[in-house]
Amino acid sequence: MFSITVRDHVMIAHSFRGEVFGPAQRLHGATFVVDARFKRDGLDDDNIVVDIGLATERLRSVLADLNYRNLDDEPAFAGVNTSTEFLAKHIADRLADLVHAGELGEGARGLAAIEVTLHESHIAWASYERPL
């Protein structure tokens, strides 16, 4: 399996519901380093996994919809605990939508999977991988 990974970051605010979250039930901010890994069994006709420039741009566009926002105020996340795991899936799903729409080029239609990792810190992160 071949892969390439592109990286960006996003800054959000949110709160959680549920005793399991302790003090994170209060409004707080988070800055995530975001890695998007694109995977495929074989290289495309240009001997690449996906255009790394397009992958970088598309990740940035997906994150722009979240950046500097209080997710508690976003209708798409009403009543949802926007955990790191949930956000990794949300970002992966949005990237998959762009792949299917041809926004990462025709060669990207041969991708097998996307994995998104959100790093909360240098010692904690969460990932979500989905097939394409």
N, C-alpha and C. Protein backbone atom coordinates (compact mmCIF):
# COMPACT_ATOMS: atom_id res chain seq x y z
N MET A 1 0.85 -1.17 0.00
CA MET A 1 0.00 0.00 0.00
C MET A 1 0.89 1.24 0.00
N PHE A 2 0.65 2.14 -0.93
CA PHE A 2 1.36 3.42 -0.99
C PHE A 2 0.54 4.47 -0.24
N SER A 3 1.20 5.49 0.28
CA SER A 3 0.47 6.59 0.92
C SER A 3 1.28 7.87 0.85
N ILE A 4 0.55 8.97 0.89
CA ILE A 4 1.15 10.29 1.12
C ILE A 4 0.34 10.94 2.24
N THR A 5 1.00 11.80 2.98
CA THR A 5 0.34 12.51 4.08
C THR A 5 0.60 14.00 3.93
N VAL A 6 -0.46 14.77 4.11
CA VAL A 6 -0.33 16.23 4.15
C VAL A 6 -0.79 16.69 5.52
N ARG A 7 -0.28 17.85 5.94
CA ARG A 7 -0.51 18.33 7.31
C ARG A 7 -0.95 19.78 7.30
N ASP A 8 -1.85 20.10 8.22
CA ASP A 8 -2.28 21.47 8.46
C ASP A 8 -2.68 21.55 9.93
N HIS A 9 -3.36 22.60 10.31
CA HIS A 9 -3.86 22.71 11.68
C HIS A 9 -5.19 23.46 11.68
N VAL A 10 -5.90 23.32 12.79
CA VAL A 10 -7.19 23.98 12.94
C VAL A 10 -7.36 24.38 14.40
N MET A 11 -7.95 25.55 14.61
CA MET A 11 -8.22 26.04 15.96
C MET A 11 -9.72 26.17 16.15
N ILE A 12 -10.23 25.49 17.17
CA ILE A 12 -11.66 25.50 17.41
C ILE A 12 -11.94 25.76 18.89
N ALA A 13 -13.19 26.05 19.20
CA ALA A 13 -13.68 26.08 20.57
C ALA A 13 -14.87 25.13 20.62
N HIS A 14 -15.08 24.51 21.76
CA HIS A 14 -16.23 23.64 21.95
C HIS A 14 -16.34 23.25 23.42
N SER A 15 -17.44 22.61 23.75
CA SER A 15 -17.63 22.05 25.09
C SER A 15 -18.27 20.68 24.92
N PHE A 16 -18.27 19.91 26.00
CA PHE A 16 -18.82 18.55 25.95
C PHE A 16 -19.92 18.39 26.99
N ARG A 17 -20.80 17.45 26.72
CA ARG A 17 -21.82 17.07 27.68
C ARG A 17 -21.48 15.68 28.20
N GLY A 18 -21.55 15.51 29.51
CA GLY A 18 -21.30 14.19 30.11
C GLY A 18 -20.21 14.25 31.15
N GLU A 19 -20.45 13.59 32.26
CA GLU A 19 -19.49 13.59 33.38
C GLU A 19 -18.12 13.05 32.98
N VAL A 20 -18.07 12.15 32.01
CA VAL A 20 -16.81 11.56 31.58
C VAL A 20 -15.81 12.64 31.13
N PHE A 21 -16.33 13.79 30.71
CA PHE A 21 -15.47 14.85 30.19
C PHE A 21 -14.94 15.80 31.26
N GLY A 22 -15.39 15.67 32.49
CA GLY A 22 -14.88 16.49 33.58
C GLY A 22 -14.89 17.96 33.24
N PRO A 23 -13.75 18.66 33.45
CA PRO A 23 -13.71 20.10 33.21
C PRO A 23 -13.89 20.49 31.74
N ALA A 24 -13.73 19.54 30.82
CA ALA A 24 -13.93 19.85 29.40
C ALA A 24 -15.40 20.07 29.05
N GLN A 25 -16.28 19.89 30.04
CA GLN A 25 -17.69 20.22 29.82
C GLN A 25 -17.85 21.73 29.65
N ARG A 26 -16.93 22.48 30.20
CA ARG A 26 -16.95 23.94 30.02
C ARG A 26 -16.36 24.28 28.66
N LEU A 27 -16.74 25.43 28.14
CA LEU A 27 -16.19 25.90 26.87
C LEU A 27 -14.68 25.99 26.96
N HIS A 28 -14.00 25.45 25.97
CA HIS A 28 -12.53 25.49 25.94
C HIS A 28 -12.08 25.48 24.48
N GLY A 29 -10.83 25.83 24.27
CA GLY A 29 -10.28 25.85 22.92
C GLY A 29 -9.36 24.66 22.69
N ALA A 30 -9.17 24.36 21.43
CA ALA A 30 -8.25 23.30 21.05
C ALA A 30 -7.59 23.68 19.73
N THR A 31 -6.31 23.42 19.64
CA THR A 31 -5.58 23.55 18.38
C THR A 31 -5.10 22.16 18.01
N PHE A 32 -5.57 21.67 16.88
CA PHE A 32 -5.21 20.35 16.41
C PHE A 32 -4.25 20.45 15.24
N VAL A 33 -3.19 19.65 15.26
CA VAL A 33 -2.39 19.40 14.07
C VAL A 33 -3.12 18.27 13.35
N VAL A 34 -3.41 18.47 12.06
CA VAL A 34 -4.23 17.53 11.31
C VAL A 34 -3.40 16.90 10.19
N ASP A 35 -3.31 15.57 10.21
CA ASP A 35 -2.66 14.81 9.14
C ASP A 35 -3.73 14.10 8.34
N ALA A 36 -3.67 14.24 7.02
CA ALA A 36 -4.56 13.49 6.13
C ALA A 36 -3.69 12.58 5.28
N ARG A 37 -3.89 11.27 5.45
CA ARG A 37 -3.11 10.27 4.71
C ARG A 37 -4.00 9.67 3.62
N PHE A 38 -3.51 9.70 2.41
CA PHE A 38 -4.22 9.15 1.26
C PHE A 38 -3.51 7.87 0.86
N LYS A 39 -4.27 6.76 0.70
CA LYS A 39 -3.68 5.44 0.46
C LYS A 39 -4.23 4.82 -0.82
N ARG A 40 -3.35 4.07 -1.48
CA ARG A 40 -3.78 3.30 -2.65
C ARG A 40 -2.86 2.11 -2.84
N ASP A 41 -3.39 1.07 -3.50
CA ASP A 41 -2.62 -0.16 -3.71
C ASP A 41 -1.48 0.03 -4.69
N GLY A 42 -1.72 0.77 -5.76
CA GLY A 42 -0.69 1.01 -6.77
C GLY A 42 -0.66 2.48 -7.14
N LEU A 43 0.42 2.89 -7.73
CA LEU A 43 0.53 4.29 -8.15
C LEU A 43 -0.31 4.53 -9.39
N ASP A 44 -0.69 5.80 -9.61
CA ASP A 44 -1.49 6.12 -10.81
C ASP A 44 -0.57 6.21 -12.03
N ASP A 45 -1.12 6.65 -13.15
CA ASP A 45 -0.36 6.71 -14.39
C ASP A 45 0.83 7.68 -14.32
N ASP A 46 0.80 8.61 -13.37
CA ASP A 46 1.90 9.56 -13.18
C ASP A 46 2.86 9.11 -12.08
N ASN A 47 2.68 7.89 -11.58
CA ASN A 47 3.50 7.32 -10.50
C ASN A 47 3.40 8.09 -9.19
N ILE A 48 2.18 8.55 -8.90
CA ILE A 48 1.92 9.21 -7.62
C ILE A 48 0.68 8.59 -6.98
N VAL A 49 0.52 8.84 -5.68
CA VAL A 49 -0.68 8.43 -4.96
C VAL A 49 -1.81 9.39 -5.29
N VAL A 50 -1.53 10.67 -5.13
CA VAL A 50 -2.47 11.75 -5.42
C VAL A 50 -1.63 13.02 -5.54
N ASP A 51 -2.14 14.00 -6.23
CA ASP A 51 -1.44 15.28 -6.36
C ASP A 51 -1.31 15.90 -4.96
N ILE A 52 -0.07 15.98 -4.47
CA ILE A 52 0.16 16.45 -3.11
C ILE A 52 -0.26 17.92 -2.93
N GLY A 53 -0.14 18.72 -3.98
CA GLY A 53 -0.58 20.11 -3.91
C GLY A 53 -2.09 20.21 -3.77
N LEU A 54 -2.83 19.42 -4.57
CA LEU A 54 -4.29 19.41 -4.46
C LEU A 54 -4.73 18.87 -3.10
N ALA A 55 -4.06 17.83 -2.62
CA ALA A 55 -4.41 17.27 -1.31
C ALA A 55 -4.23 18.31 -0.22
N THR A 56 -3.14 19.07 -0.29
CA THR A 56 -2.89 20.12 0.69
C THR A 56 -3.97 21.19 0.63
N GLU A 57 -4.31 21.62 -0.58
CA GLU A 57 -5.34 22.66 -0.75
C GLU A 57 -6.70 22.19 -0.27
N ARG A 58 -7.05 20.95 -0.58
CA ARG A 58 -8.38 20.44 -0.18
C ARG A 58 -8.47 20.25 1.32
N LEU A 59 -7.40 19.78 1.95
CA LEU A 59 -7.41 19.69 3.42
C LEU A 59 -7.60 21.07 4.01
N ARG A 60 -6.90 22.05 3.50
CA ARG A 60 -7.02 23.42 4.01
C ARG A 60 -8.46 23.93 3.86
N SER A 61 -9.11 23.61 2.72
CA SER A 61 -10.48 24.08 2.50
C SER A 61 -11.46 23.42 3.47
N VAL A 62 -11.26 22.14 3.76
CA VAL A 62 -12.13 21.45 4.72
C VAL A 62 -11.95 22.04 6.11
N LEU A 63 -10.71 22.30 6.49
CA LEU A 63 -10.44 22.85 7.81
C LEU A 63 -10.93 24.29 7.94
N ALA A 64 -10.95 25.03 6.84
CA ALA A 64 -11.42 26.43 6.87
C ALA A 64 -12.86 26.51 7.36
N ASP A 65 -13.66 25.48 7.11
CA ASP A 65 -15.05 25.47 7.57
C ASP A 65 -15.16 25.30 9.08
N LEU A 66 -14.08 24.89 9.73
CA LEU A 66 -14.07 24.68 11.18
C LEU A 66 -13.23 25.72 11.92
N ASN A 67 -12.25 26.29 11.25
CA ASN A 67 -11.23 27.12 11.88
C ASN A 67 -11.83 28.37 12.53
N TYR A 68 -11.36 28.65 13.74
CA TYR A 68 -11.78 29.83 14.51
C TYR A 68 -13.29 29.85 14.76
N ARG A 69 -13.88 28.68 14.89
CA ARG A 69 -15.31 28.60 15.16
C ARG A 69 -15.55 27.93 16.51
N ASN A 70 -16.62 28.36 17.16
CA ASN A 70 -17.13 27.66 18.33
C ASN A 70 -18.07 26.59 17.78
N LEU A 71 -17.67 25.34 17.82
CA LEU A 71 -18.46 24.28 17.22
C LEU A 71 -19.81 24.10 17.91
N ASP A 72 -19.92 24.57 19.15
CA ASP A 72 -21.21 24.53 19.85
C ASP A 72 -22.26 25.38 19.14
N ASP A 73 -21.81 26.39 18.39
CA ASP A 73 -22.72 27.31 17.70
C ASP A 73 -23.01 26.90 16.27
N GLU A 74 -22.37 25.84 15.77
CA GLU A 74 -22.54 25.42 14.39
C GLU A 74 -23.73 24.46 14.27
N PRO A 75 -24.72 24.81 13.45
CA PRO A 75 -25.91 23.95 13.31
C PRO A 75 -25.59 22.50 12.94
N ALA A 76 -24.54 22.28 12.16
CA ALA A 76 -24.19 20.91 11.75
C ALA A 76 -23.77 20.05 12.95
N PHE A 77 -23.39 20.67 14.05
CA PHE A 77 -22.91 19.92 15.21
C PHE A 77 -23.84 20.07 16.42
N ALA A 78 -25.05 20.53 16.21
CA ALA A 78 -26.00 20.72 17.30
C ALA A 78 -26.23 19.40 18.04
N GLY A 79 -26.05 19.45 19.35
CA GLY A 79 -26.29 18.27 20.17
C GLY A 79 -25.24 17.19 20.06
N VAL A 80 -24.09 17.47 19.43
CA VAL A 80 -23.05 16.48 19.20
C VAL A 80 -21.83 16.81 20.06
N ASN A 81 -21.28 15.80 20.73
CA ASN A 81 -19.99 15.97 21.39
C ASN A 81 -18.92 15.90 20.31
N THR A 82 -18.32 17.02 19.99
CA THR A 82 -17.34 17.10 18.91
C THR A 82 -15.96 16.66 19.41
N SER A 83 -15.89 15.40 19.79
CA SER A 83 -14.64 14.83 20.30
C SER A 83 -13.59 14.80 19.19
N THR A 84 -12.37 14.55 19.58
CA THR A 84 -11.29 14.44 18.61
C THR A 84 -11.59 13.33 17.61
N GLU A 85 -12.09 12.20 18.10
CA GLU A 85 -12.44 11.07 17.23
C GLU A 85 -13.53 11.46 16.24
N PHE A 86 -14.57 12.13 16.74
CA PHE A 86 -15.67 12.57 15.87
C PHE A 86 -15.17 13.52 14.79
N LEU A 87 -14.31 14.48 15.18
CA LEU A 87 -13.80 15.44 14.20
C LEU A 87 -12.90 14.78 13.16
N ALA A 88 -12.13 13.76 13.56
CA ALA A 88 -11.31 13.03 12.59
C ALA A 88 -12.20 12.39 11.53
N LYS A 89 -13.31 11.79 11.95
CA LYS A 89 -14.25 11.19 11.01
C LYS A 89 -14.91 12.25 10.13
N HIS A 90 -15.30 13.34 10.73
CA HIS A 90 -15.94 14.43 9.97
C HIS A 90 -15.01 14.92 8.85
N ILE A 91 -13.76 15.15 9.17
CA ILE A 91 -12.79 15.64 8.19
C ILE A 91 -12.54 14.58 7.11
N ALA A 92 -12.38 13.33 7.51
CA ALA A 92 -12.17 12.25 6.53
C ALA A 92 -13.36 12.14 5.58
N ASP A 93 -14.56 12.24 6.11
CA ASP A 93 -15.76 12.15 5.28
C ASP A 93 -15.84 13.31 4.29
N ARG A 94 -15.49 14.50 4.74
CA ARG A 94 -15.50 15.67 3.85
C ARG A 94 -14.45 15.50 2.74
N LEU A 95 -13.26 15.01 3.09
CA LEU A 95 -12.24 14.75 2.07
C LEU A 95 -12.70 13.69 1.09
N ALA A 96 -13.36 12.66 1.59
CA ALA A 96 -13.89 11.61 0.70
C ALA A 96 -14.91 12.19 -0.27
N ASP A 97 -15.77 13.09 0.21
CA ASP A 97 -16.73 13.75 -0.68
C ASP A 97 -16.01 14.48 -1.81
N LEU A 98 -14.90 15.15 -1.48
CA LEU A 98 -14.14 15.88 -2.49
C LEU A 98 -13.47 14.94 -3.49
N VAL A 99 -12.99 13.80 -3.00
CA VAL A 99 -12.40 12.80 -3.91
C VAL A 99 -13.46 12.33 -4.89
N HIS A 100 -14.64 11.97 -4.37
CA HIS A 100 -15.72 11.46 -5.23
C HIS A 100 -16.21 12.52 -6.22
N ALA A 101 -16.09 13.80 -5.85
CA ALA A 101 -16.50 14.89 -6.74
C ALA A 101 -15.43 15.25 -7.76
N GLY A 102 -14.28 14.58 -7.70
CA GLY A 102 -13.20 14.85 -8.64
C GLY A 102 -12.33 16.03 -8.27
N GLU A 103 -12.47 16.53 -7.04
CA GLU A 103 -11.74 17.73 -6.60
C GLU A 103 -10.26 17.49 -6.31
N LEU A 104 -9.84 16.23 -6.28
CA LEU A 104 -8.42 15.91 -6.10
C LEU A 104 -7.83 15.33 -7.37
N GLY A 105 -8.51 15.53 -8.49
CA GLY A 105 -8.04 15.06 -9.78
C GLY A 105 -8.57 13.67 -10.10
N GLU A 106 -8.53 13.33 -11.37
CA GLU A 106 -9.04 12.04 -11.82
C GLU A 106 -8.26 10.87 -11.23
N GLY A 107 -6.95 11.05 -11.07
CA GLY A 107 -6.13 9.97 -10.52
C GLY A 107 -6.53 9.59 -9.11
N ALA A 108 -7.14 10.52 -8.37
CA ALA A 108 -7.53 10.25 -6.99
C ALA A 108 -8.69 9.26 -6.91
N ARG A 109 -9.37 9.03 -8.03
CA ARG A 109 -10.48 8.07 -8.01
C ARG A 109 -9.97 6.66 -7.73
N GLY A 110 -8.66 6.43 -7.86
CA GLY A 110 -8.07 5.13 -7.56
C GLY A 110 -7.64 4.96 -6.12
N LEU A 111 -7.89 5.96 -5.28
CA LEU A 111 -7.52 5.85 -3.87
C LEU A 111 -8.33 4.75 -3.20
N ALA A 112 -7.68 4.07 -2.26
CA ALA A 112 -8.34 2.98 -1.52
C ALA A 112 -8.90 3.47 -0.19
N ALA A 113 -8.23 4.45 0.44
CA ALA A 113 -8.64 4.87 1.78
C ALA A 113 -8.06 6.25 2.10
N ILE A 114 -8.70 6.88 3.07
CA ILE A 114 -8.21 8.12 3.66
C ILE A 114 -8.16 7.90 5.16
N GLU A 115 -7.07 8.32 5.77
CA GLU A 115 -6.94 8.29 7.23
C GLU A 115 -6.65 9.70 7.71
N VAL A 116 -7.42 10.16 8.67
CA VAL A 116 -7.21 11.49 9.24
C VAL A 116 -6.84 11.33 10.70
N THR A 117 -5.76 12.00 11.10
CA THR A 117 -5.30 11.99 12.48
C THR A 117 -5.30 13.42 13.01
N LEU A 118 -5.93 13.61 14.17
CA LEU A 118 -5.90 14.90 14.85
C LEU A 118 -5.02 14.75 16.08
N HIS A 119 -3.95 15.55 16.11
CA HIS A 119 -3.03 15.54 17.25
C HIS A 119 -3.48 16.62 18.23
N GLU A 120 -3.90 16.18 19.42
CA GLU A 120 -4.29 17.12 20.47
C GLU A 120 -3.05 17.72 21.12
N SER A 121 -2.00 16.93 21.17
CA SER A 121 -0.74 17.37 21.77
C SER A 121 0.35 16.43 21.26
N HIS A 122 1.55 16.60 21.79
CA HIS A 122 2.65 15.72 21.37
C HIS A 122 2.53 14.32 21.97
N ILE A 123 1.56 14.11 22.88
CA ILE A 123 1.42 12.80 23.51
C ILE A 123 0.04 12.17 23.32
N ALA A 124 -0.88 12.85 22.63
CA ALA A 124 -2.23 12.30 22.47
C ALA A 124 -2.81 12.68 21.12
N TRP A 125 -3.39 11.69 20.43
CA TRP A 125 -4.03 11.93 19.14
C TRP A 125 -5.07 10.85 18.89
N ALA A 126 -5.93 11.13 17.91
CA ALA A 126 -6.96 10.17 17.51
C ALA A 126 -7.02 10.14 15.98
N SER A 127 -7.38 8.97 15.43
CA SER A 127 -7.44 8.80 13.99
C SER A 127 -8.74 8.14 13.58
N TYR A 128 -9.09 8.36 12.32
CA TYR A 128 -10.21 7.66 11.70
C TYR A 128 -9.78 7.33 10.27
N GLU A 129 -9.97 6.06 9.88
CA GLU A 129 -9.67 5.63 8.52
C GLU A 129 -10.95 5.13 7.87
N ARG A 130 -11.17 5.55 6.63
CA ARG A 130 -12.35 5.10 5.90
C ARG A 130 -11.96 4.67 4.50
N PRO A 131 -12.62 3.64 3.99
CA PRO A 131 -12.38 3.22 2.62
C PRO A 131 -13.02 4.22 1.65
N LEU A 132 -12.54 4.18 0.42
CA LEU A 132 -13.13 5.01 -0.64
C LEU A 132 -13.76 4.11 -1.69
